[in-house]
Amino acid sequence: MPVVDKICPAHLWREAEREGVFRGSEHGIMQIPWMMLTNAKVSEDLVYKTAKTIAESKDALKKSFGAFGRAKREAMAPANEVPYHPGALKYYKEAGIKVGN
């Protein structure tokens, strides 16, 4: 899995293996958490509104892409080596979403 290691942190592979995603999986499908990336030049307001919209629009997002139905609002801000944008942190704090779990 060397190529995949470049785009998916090793701890996610371990979680998938522990849950049996690879062993015994009929289809060999793995769910990889997605993230949105931005930079410090993007306004706090825009990132705040984007995080809020994603967190609070699960039903509408699910209609456009079914995989959003598995998204969990409380898991939006997992431990990550990439720092979270201040706008996202503002929304997570307001919504009571723990950062870094």
N, C-alpha and C. Protein backbone atom coordinates (compact mmCIF):
# COMPACT_ATOMS: atom_id res chain seq x y z
N MET A 1 0.79 -1.20 0.00
CA MET A 1 0.00 0.00 0.00
C MET A 1 0.84 1.27 0.00
N PRO A 2 2.06 1.27 -0.50
CA PRO A 2 2.89 2.47 -0.44
C PRO A 2 2.27 3.70 -1.09
N VAL A 3 1.60 3.55 -2.20
CA VAL A 3 1.01 4.71 -2.88
C VAL A 3 -0.10 5.30 -2.04
N VAL A 4 -0.93 4.45 -1.47
CA VAL A 4 -2.04 4.94 -0.67
C VAL A 4 -1.54 5.61 0.61
N ASP A 5 -0.43 5.13 1.16
CA ASP A 5 0.12 5.74 2.37
C ASP A 5 0.41 7.22 2.17
N LYS A 6 0.66 7.64 0.95
CA LYS A 6 0.95 9.04 0.67
C LYS A 6 -0.29 9.92 0.83
N ILE A 7 -1.47 9.36 0.62
CA ILE A 7 -2.68 10.16 0.69
C ILE A 7 -3.57 9.83 1.88
N CYS A 8 -3.27 8.74 2.56
CA CYS A 8 -4.11 8.32 3.67
C CYS A 8 -3.20 7.94 4.84
N PRO A 9 -3.30 8.65 5.97
CA PRO A 9 -2.44 8.36 7.11
C PRO A 9 -2.54 6.90 7.57
N ALA A 10 -1.43 6.39 8.05
CA ALA A 10 -1.35 4.99 8.45
C ALA A 10 -2.36 4.62 9.52
N HIS A 11 -2.68 5.55 10.44
CA HIS A 11 -3.63 5.19 11.50
C HIS A 11 -5.02 4.85 10.93
N LEU A 12 -5.36 5.45 9.79
CA LEU A 12 -6.66 5.13 9.18
C LEU A 12 -6.64 3.71 8.61
N TRP A 13 -5.50 3.29 8.07
CA TRP A 13 -5.40 1.92 7.58
C TRP A 13 -5.55 0.94 8.74
N ARG A 14 -4.90 1.26 9.87
CA ARG A 14 -5.00 0.35 11.02
C ARG A 14 -6.44 0.25 11.49
N GLU A 15 -7.15 1.38 11.52
CA GLU A 15 -8.55 1.35 11.92
C GLU A 15 -9.37 0.48 10.97
N ALA A 16 -9.13 0.63 9.69
CA ALA A 16 -9.87 -0.15 8.70
C ALA A 16 -9.58 -1.64 8.85
N GLU A 17 -8.32 -1.97 9.08
CA GLU A 17 -7.95 -3.38 9.26
C GLU A 17 -8.60 -3.95 10.51
N ARG A 18 -8.60 -3.16 11.58
CA ARG A 18 -9.20 -3.60 12.84
C ARG A 18 -10.70 -3.88 12.65
N GLU A 19 -11.35 -3.08 11.84
CA GLU A 19 -12.78 -3.24 11.62
C GLU A 19 -13.08 -4.27 10.54
N GLY A 20 -12.05 -4.89 10.00
CA GLY A 20 -12.27 -5.95 9.01
C GLY A 20 -12.61 -5.45 7.63
N VAL A 21 -12.27 -4.23 7.32
CA VAL A 21 -12.61 -3.67 6.01
C VAL A 21 -11.90 -4.44 4.90
N PHE A 22 -10.66 -4.86 5.15
CA PHE A 22 -9.92 -5.57 4.12
C PHE A 22 -10.15 -7.08 4.21
N ARG A 23 -9.93 -7.65 5.40
CA ARG A 23 -10.10 -9.08 5.56
C ARG A 23 -11.58 -9.44 5.51
N GLY A 24 -11.93 -10.35 4.69
CA GLY A 24 -13.31 -10.82 4.61
C GLY A 24 -14.27 -9.86 3.95
N SER A 25 -13.78 -8.77 3.45
CA SER A 25 -14.66 -7.83 2.78
C SER A 25 -14.95 -8.34 1.37
N GLU A 26 -16.22 -8.48 1.09
CA GLU A 26 -16.62 -9.00 -0.22
C GLU A 26 -16.17 -8.07 -1.35
N HIS A 27 -16.21 -6.78 -1.10
CA HIS A 27 -15.91 -5.82 -2.17
C HIS A 27 -14.58 -5.10 -2.00
N GLY A 28 -13.92 -5.26 -0.86
CA GLY A 28 -12.64 -4.60 -0.64
C GLY A 28 -12.75 -3.09 -0.65
N ILE A 29 -13.83 -2.57 -0.12
CA ILE A 29 -14.04 -1.12 -0.10
C ILE A 29 -13.66 -0.57 1.26
N MET A 30 -12.99 0.56 1.26
CA MET A 30 -12.60 1.21 2.50
C MET A 30 -13.15 2.63 2.50
N GLN A 31 -13.67 3.05 3.62
CA GLN A 31 -14.14 4.43 3.75
C GLN A 31 -12.98 5.27 4.26
N ILE A 32 -12.64 6.30 3.54
CA ILE A 32 -11.57 7.21 3.94
C ILE A 32 -12.21 8.55 4.28
N PRO A 33 -11.97 9.04 5.50
CA PRO A 33 -12.54 10.35 5.86
C PRO A 33 -12.06 11.41 4.87
N TRP A 34 -12.92 12.33 4.55
CA TRP A 34 -12.54 13.39 3.63
C TRP A 34 -12.30 14.65 4.43
N MET A 35 -11.59 15.55 3.84
CA MET A 35 -11.37 16.84 4.47
C MET A 35 -11.31 17.91 3.39
N MET A 36 -11.58 19.09 3.80
CA MET A 36 -11.44 20.23 2.90
C MET A 36 -10.20 21.00 3.34
N LEU A 37 -9.41 21.40 2.39
CA LEU A 37 -8.20 22.16 2.69
C LEU A 37 -8.33 23.57 2.17
N THR A 38 -7.76 24.49 2.88
CA THR A 38 -7.75 25.88 2.47
C THR A 38 -6.42 26.49 2.91
N ASN A 39 -6.33 27.79 2.97
CA ASN A 39 -5.10 28.43 3.46
C ASN A 39 -5.48 29.62 4.32
N ALA A 40 -4.49 30.17 4.96
CA ALA A 40 -4.72 31.26 5.92
C ALA A 40 -5.28 32.52 5.27
N LYS A 41 -5.18 32.65 3.97
CA LYS A 41 -5.68 33.85 3.28
C LYS A 41 -7.19 33.83 3.08
N VAL A 42 -7.81 32.67 3.22
CA VAL A 42 -9.26 32.57 3.07
C VAL A 42 -9.91 33.14 4.33
N SER A 43 -10.95 33.93 4.14
CA SER A 43 -11.55 34.63 5.27
C SER A 43 -12.15 33.68 6.30
N GLU A 44 -12.08 34.11 7.56
CA GLU A 44 -12.65 33.34 8.66
C GLU A 44 -14.15 33.14 8.43
N ASP A 45 -14.82 34.17 7.94
CA ASP A 45 -16.26 34.11 7.72
C ASP A 45 -16.63 33.04 6.68
N LEU A 46 -15.88 32.99 5.58
CA LEU A 46 -16.18 32.00 4.54
C LEU A 46 -15.99 30.58 5.05
N VAL A 47 -14.89 30.33 5.75
CA VAL A 47 -14.63 28.98 6.26
C VAL A 47 -15.65 28.62 7.33
N TYR A 48 -16.00 29.56 8.19
CA TYR A 48 -17.03 29.34 9.21
C TYR A 48 -18.36 28.94 8.55
N LYS A 49 -18.79 29.72 7.56
CA LYS A 49 -20.06 29.43 6.88
C LYS A 49 -20.02 28.09 6.15
N THR A 50 -18.87 27.74 5.58
CA THR A 50 -18.73 26.46 4.88
C THR A 50 -18.84 25.30 5.86
N ALA A 51 -18.12 25.38 6.97
CA ALA A 51 -18.18 24.31 7.98
C ALA A 51 -19.60 24.17 8.52
N LYS A 52 -20.23 25.28 8.81
CA LYS A 52 -21.60 25.28 9.34
C LYS A 52 -22.58 24.66 8.34
N THR A 53 -22.46 25.05 7.10
CA THR A 53 -23.36 24.54 6.07
C THR A 53 -23.21 23.03 5.91
N ILE A 54 -21.98 22.55 5.88
CA ILE A 54 -21.75 21.11 5.75
C ILE A 54 -22.31 20.37 6.95
N ALA A 55 -22.05 20.89 8.15
CA ALA A 55 -22.50 20.23 9.37
C ALA A 55 -24.02 20.20 9.50
N GLU A 56 -24.67 21.24 9.01
CA GLU A 56 -26.11 21.38 9.23
C GLU A 56 -26.96 21.06 8.01
N SER A 57 -26.35 20.52 6.97
CA SER A 57 -27.10 20.24 5.74
C SER A 57 -26.96 18.79 5.29
N LYS A 58 -26.86 17.89 6.25
CA LYS A 58 -26.62 16.48 5.93
C LYS A 58 -27.67 15.91 4.97
N ASP A 59 -28.93 16.18 5.21
CA ASP A 59 -29.98 15.62 4.35
C ASP A 59 -29.86 16.09 2.91
N ALA A 60 -29.63 17.38 2.72
CA ALA A 60 -29.49 17.91 1.36
C ALA A 60 -28.23 17.36 0.69
N LEU A 61 -27.14 17.28 1.44
CA LEU A 61 -25.90 16.74 0.89
C LEU A 61 -26.06 15.27 0.53
N LYS A 62 -26.77 14.53 1.36
CA LYS A 62 -27.01 13.10 1.10
C LYS A 62 -27.78 12.90 -0.21
N LYS A 63 -28.70 13.80 -0.49
CA LYS A 63 -29.46 13.69 -1.74
C LYS A 63 -28.56 13.83 -2.96
N SER A 64 -27.53 14.68 -2.85
CA SER A 64 -26.65 14.88 -3.99
C SER A 64 -25.54 13.83 -4.06
N PHE A 65 -25.14 13.29 -2.90
CA PHE A 65 -24.10 12.26 -2.85
C PHE A 65 -24.37 11.40 -1.62
N GLY A 66 -24.88 10.21 -1.85
CA GLY A 66 -25.34 9.34 -0.79
C GLY A 66 -24.36 9.09 0.33
N ALA A 67 -23.06 9.12 0.06
CA ALA A 67 -22.07 8.85 1.10
C ALA A 67 -22.13 9.86 2.24
N PHE A 68 -22.66 11.05 1.98
CA PHE A 68 -22.80 12.03 3.05
C PHE A 68 -23.74 11.53 4.14
N GLY A 69 -24.56 10.55 3.83
CA GLY A 69 -25.47 9.99 4.82
C GLY A 69 -24.73 9.33 5.97
N ARG A 70 -23.50 8.92 5.74
CA ARG A 70 -22.70 8.28 6.80
C ARG A 70 -21.91 9.30 7.62
N ALA A 71 -21.92 10.54 7.22
CA ALA A 71 -21.15 11.57 7.92
C ALA A 71 -21.71 11.79 9.31
N LYS A 72 -20.81 12.01 10.25
CA LYS A 72 -21.21 12.26 11.64
C LYS A 72 -20.70 13.64 12.03
N ARG A 73 -21.62 14.51 12.36
CA ARG A 73 -21.29 15.89 12.71
C ARG A 73 -20.25 15.95 13.83
N GLU A 74 -20.42 15.09 14.83
CA GLU A 74 -19.52 15.11 15.98
C GLU A 74 -18.11 14.63 15.64
N ALA A 75 -17.93 14.06 14.45
CA ALA A 75 -16.61 13.56 14.05
C ALA A 75 -15.97 14.44 12.97
N MET A 76 -16.42 15.68 12.85
CA MET A 76 -15.93 16.56 11.79
C MET A 76 -14.50 17.04 11.99
N ALA A 77 -13.99 16.98 13.20
CA ALA A 77 -12.68 17.58 13.48
C ALA A 77 -11.75 16.59 14.18
N PRO A 78 -11.40 15.51 13.49
CA PRO A 78 -10.53 14.50 14.14
C PRO A 78 -9.11 15.02 14.35
N ALA A 79 -8.35 14.28 15.15
CA ALA A 79 -6.94 14.61 15.33
C ALA A 79 -6.29 14.65 13.96
N ASN A 80 -5.45 15.65 13.76
CA ASN A 80 -4.92 15.88 12.43
C ASN A 80 -3.60 16.63 12.54
N GLU A 81 -2.67 16.33 11.67
CA GLU A 81 -1.40 17.07 11.68
C GLU A 81 -1.53 18.41 10.97
N VAL A 82 -2.57 18.58 10.19
CA VAL A 82 -2.81 19.85 9.50
C VAL A 82 -3.62 20.74 10.45
N PRO A 83 -3.17 21.96 10.72
CA PRO A 83 -3.93 22.82 11.64
C PRO A 83 -5.28 23.22 11.06
N TYR A 84 -6.25 23.33 11.93
CA TYR A 84 -7.58 23.76 11.50
C TYR A 84 -7.61 25.28 11.31
N HIS A 85 -8.34 25.73 10.31
CA HIS A 85 -8.50 27.15 10.03
C HIS A 85 -9.29 27.79 11.17
N PRO A 86 -8.97 29.03 11.54
CA PRO A 86 -9.71 29.71 12.61
C PRO A 86 -11.22 29.76 12.37
N GLY A 87 -11.65 29.86 11.12
CA GLY A 87 -13.09 29.88 10.82
C GLY A 87 -13.76 28.55 11.16
N ALA A 88 -13.07 27.46 10.86
CA ALA A 88 -13.61 26.14 11.20
C ALA A 88 -13.64 25.97 12.71
N LEU A 89 -12.57 26.37 13.37
CA LEU A 89 -12.51 26.26 14.84
C LEU A 89 -13.62 27.06 15.50
N LYS A 90 -13.92 28.22 14.94
CA LYS A 90 -15.01 29.04 15.48
C LYS A 90 -16.33 28.28 15.41
N TYR A 91 -16.61 27.66 14.26
CA TYR A 91 -17.86 26.90 14.15
C TYR A 91 -17.86 25.69 15.09
N TYR A 92 -16.77 24.94 15.12
CA TYR A 92 -16.72 23.76 15.98
C TYR A 92 -16.98 24.12 17.44
N LYS A 93 -16.38 25.22 17.89
CA LYS A 93 -16.59 25.65 19.28
C LYS A 93 -18.06 26.01 19.50
N GLU A 94 -18.63 26.79 18.58
CA GLU A 94 -20.02 27.20 18.68
C GLU A 94 -20.97 26.01 18.71
N ALA A 95 -20.65 24.98 17.91
CA ALA A 95 -21.53 23.82 17.79
C ALA A 95 -21.23 22.73 18.82
N GLY A 96 -20.18 22.93 19.62
CA GLY A 96 -19.83 21.93 20.62
C GLY A 96 -19.16 20.70 20.04
N ILE A 97 -18.53 20.86 18.89
CA ILE A 97 -17.82 19.74 18.23
C ILE A 97 -16.39 19.71 18.76
N LYS A 98 -16.01 18.61 19.38
CA LYS A 98 -14.65 18.48 19.92
C LYS A 98 -13.64 18.37 18.79
N VAL A 99 -12.54 19.07 18.95
CA VAL A 99 -11.47 19.05 17.96
C VAL A 99 -10.36 18.12 18.45
N GLY A 100 -9.93 17.22 17.57
CA GLY A 100 -8.82 16.37 17.90
C GLY A 100 -9.15 15.02 18.51
N ASN A 101 -10.36 14.58 18.36
CA ASN A 101 -10.75 13.25 18.89
C ASN A 101 -10.42 12.17 17.92
